[in-house]
């Protein structure tokens, strides 16, 4: 069955709509392409995040400002969606 345009068809996960983007700073690079990120919110100070999409083609170094997408089902993990300038 073909997927709907935009990726939000019947096969799309329900948590994708509940994602929250939060600014943060990369603290350290971990094994397996993971990063520890310090968030700019008091609710969850640090998360472990991986890089998504085209951002994965560029190296992210400690100290860089990034935007992390947090999902409702696991607030301790996230996805780095882009750099912040």
Protein backbone atom coordinates (compact mmCIF):
# COMPACT_ATOMS: atom_id res chain seq x y z
CA UNK A 1 0.00 0.00 0.00
CA UNK A 2 1.54 3.38 -0.95
CA UNK A 3 2.21 5.93 1.76
CA UNK A 4 0.46 9.28 1.83
CA UNK A 5 2.39 12.38 0.75
CA UNK A 6 4.17 14.13 3.62
CA UNK A 7 4.79 10.95 5.61
CA UNK A 8 1.80 11.41 7.94
CA UNK A 9 -0.26 8.58 6.48
CA UNK A 10 -1.86 5.68 8.31
CA UNK A 11 1.53 4.03 8.87
CA UNK A 12 3.11 7.06 10.54
CA UNK A 13 3.77 6.79 14.30
CA UNK A 14 1.38 8.72 16.51
CA UNK A 15 4.26 10.11 18.62
CA UNK A 16 5.63 12.03 15.63
CA UNK A 17 2.95 14.66 16.11
CA UNK A 18 3.83 15.00 19.82
CA UNK A 19 7.51 15.87 19.26
CA UNK A 20 8.86 19.01 20.94
CA UNK A 21 11.87 20.96 19.65
CA UNK A 22 14.20 22.28 22.37
CA UNK A 23 17.47 24.24 21.97
CA UNK A 24 20.60 22.80 23.55
CA UNK A 25 24.39 22.50 23.46
CA UNK A 26 26.41 19.37 22.68
CA UNK A 27 28.48 18.33 25.72
CA UNK A 28 30.26 15.24 24.41
CA UNK A 29 30.38 12.75 21.59
CA UNK A 30 29.51 9.18 22.60
CA UNK A 31 30.06 5.87 20.79
CA UNK A 32 27.66 4.73 18.04
CA UNK A 33 27.01 8.26 16.70
CA UNK A 34 25.30 9.43 19.90
CA UNK A 35 25.75 12.78 21.64
CA UNK A 36 25.10 14.04 25.17
CA UNK A 37 23.22 17.34 24.90
CA UNK A 38 22.62 19.95 27.63
CA UNK A 39 19.13 21.38 27.13
CA UNK A 40 18.12 24.96 27.86
CA UNK A 41 15.12 23.85 29.92
CA UNK A 42 14.87 23.03 33.61
CA UNK A 43 12.54 20.04 33.13
CA UNK A 44 15.19 17.71 31.66
CA UNK A 45 18.77 19.05 31.90
CA UNK A 46 20.55 16.45 29.70
CA UNK A 47 19.55 13.93 27.04
CA UNK A 48 21.29 11.43 24.78
CA UNK A 49 20.57 12.24 21.13
CA UNK A 50 21.39 10.93 17.66
CA UNK A 51 21.66 12.96 14.46
CA UNK A 52 18.87 12.78 11.90
CA UNK A 53 18.63 13.28 8.17
CA UNK A 54 21.01 15.53 6.26
CA UNK A 55 22.53 16.78 9.52
CA UNK A 56 24.14 13.33 9.84
CA UNK A 57 26.39 14.11 6.88
CA UNK A 58 28.15 16.83 8.85
CA UNK A 59 30.25 16.33 11.95
CA UNK A 60 28.86 17.80 15.15
CA UNK A 61 31.46 18.83 17.73
CA UNK A 62 31.15 19.43 21.48
CA UNK A 63 30.15 23.02 22.24
CA UNK A 64 27.93 23.45 19.19
CA UNK A 65 24.41 24.84 19.60
CA UNK A 66 21.75 22.48 18.23
CA UNK A 67 17.99 21.94 18.21
CA UNK A 68 16.86 18.61 19.68
CA UNK A 69 13.49 16.97 19.01
CA UNK A 70 12.16 15.15 22.09
CA UNK A 71 9.43 12.55 21.87
CA UNK A 72 6.75 12.07 24.51
CA UNK A 73 7.37 8.34 25.03
CA UNK A 74 11.07 8.74 26.02
CA UNK A 75 12.08 12.24 27.18
CA UNK A 76 15.62 11.04 28.02
CA UNK A 77 16.46 10.49 24.35
CA UNK A 78 16.20 12.80 21.38
CA UNK A 79 17.13 13.53 17.80
CA UNK A 80 19.35 16.42 16.68
CA UNK A 81 17.41 18.00 13.82
CA UNK A 82 19.62 20.98 13.01
CA UNK A 83 22.32 23.37 14.18
CA UNK A 84 21.43 26.64 15.80
CA UNK A 85 23.16 29.79 14.58
